[in-house]
Amino acid sequence: MDIRRIVAENIRFIRQKRKLSQEALAAKSGISHSYIKYIERAEKSVSIVKLEKIAKALKVAPGLLLEQGAHHGIK
């Protein structure tokens, strides 16, 4: 599976699990809403700096967002 797709699935799943909208995640992470949309659709690659900001906003370790299937273990 493509790394962009893995990151997209993990971010989307965790965001929804945390009951955050894309807009709320954008506000918490300091990343534009449109960029969050592109990341979640695997249409754009995410830089390591932005990945860290998103992970912090979701309250997970940045590496977790890169692991295939990692979102299944999120509580």
Protein backbone atom coordinates (compact mmCIF):
# COMPACT_ATOMS: atom_id res chain seq x y z
CA MET A 1 0.00 0.00 0.00
CA ASP A 2 1.13 3.53 -0.80
CA ILE A 3 2.47 5.48 2.23
CA ARG A 4 0.19 8.42 1.37
CA ARG A 5 -2.82 6.11 1.59
CA ILE A 6 -1.63 4.68 4.94
CA VAL A 7 -1.16 8.16 6.42
CA ALA A 8 -4.53 9.28 5.00
CA GLU A 9 -6.40 6.34 6.51
CA ASN A 10 -4.72 6.72 9.89
CA ILE A 11 -5.35 10.46 10.13
CA ARG A 12 -8.97 10.16 9.00
CA PHE A 13 -9.73 7.25 11.35
CA ILE A 14 -8.09 8.84 14.40
CA ARG A 15 -9.66 12.23 13.66
CA GLN A 16 -13.11 10.65 13.49
CA LYS A 17 -12.43 8.57 16.61
CA ARG A 18 -11.54 11.80 18.43
CA LYS A 19 -14.80 13.30 17.08
CA LEU A 20 -12.97 16.10 15.30
CA SER A 21 -14.05 17.63 12.02
CA GLN A 22 -11.45 18.39 9.39
CA GLU A 23 -11.91 22.05 10.27
CA ALA A 24 -11.23 21.37 13.96
CA LEU A 25 -8.12 19.35 13.13
CA ALA A 26 -6.94 22.17 10.88
CA ALA A 27 -7.41 24.70 13.67
CA LYS A 28 -5.68 22.53 16.28
CA SER A 29 -2.74 21.71 14.02
CA GLY A 30 -2.30 25.12 12.39
CA ILE A 31 -2.63 23.55 8.94
CA SER A 32 -5.19 24.76 6.43
CA HIS A 33 -8.45 22.88 6.08
CA SER A 34 -7.90 22.39 2.36
CA TYR A 35 -4.50 20.80 2.99
CA ILE A 36 -6.04 18.43 5.57
CA LYS A 37 -8.61 17.42 2.93
CA TYR A 38 -5.88 16.68 0.39
CA ILE A 39 -3.88 14.64 2.92
CA GLU A 40 -6.93 12.58 3.94
CA ARG A 41 -7.66 11.83 0.28
CA ALA A 42 -4.01 10.85 -0.26
CA GLU A 43 -3.74 13.52 -2.94
CA LYS A 44 -0.78 15.28 -1.32
CA SER A 45 2.25 14.06 0.56
CA VAL A 46 2.65 15.44 4.04
CA SER A 47 5.95 16.85 5.28
CA ILE A 48 7.45 15.50 8.48
CA VAL A 49 6.88 18.87 10.16
CA LYS A 50 3.18 18.88 9.26
CA LEU A 51 2.88 15.21 10.22
CA GLU A 52 4.21 16.11 13.66
CA LYS A 53 1.69 18.96 14.00
CA ILE A 54 -1.18 16.68 13.03
CA ALA A 55 0.00 13.95 15.41
CA LYS A 56 0.21 16.47 18.26
CA ALA A 57 -3.31 17.71 17.49
CA LEU A 58 -4.58 14.09 17.46
CA LYS A 59 -2.58 13.27 20.63
CA VAL A 60 -0.67 10.34 19.08
CA ALA A 61 2.97 9.63 18.32
CA PRO A 62 3.94 10.81 14.83
CA GLY A 63 5.27 7.36 13.92
CA LEU A 64 1.85 5.86 14.51
CA LEU A 65 0.50 7.77 11.52
CA LEU A 66 2.99 5.95 9.28
CA GLU A 67 2.15 2.40 10.38
CA GLN A 68 -0.16 0.37 8.19
CA GLY A 69 -3.23 -0.67 10.16
CA ALA A 70 -2.09 1.25 13.24
CA HIS A 71 -5.39 3.08 13.50
CA HIS A 72 -7.13 -0.15 14.51
CA GLY A 73 -5.49 -0.06 17.94
CA ILE A 74 -6.49 3.54 18.73
CA LYS A 75 -8.84 4.12 21.63
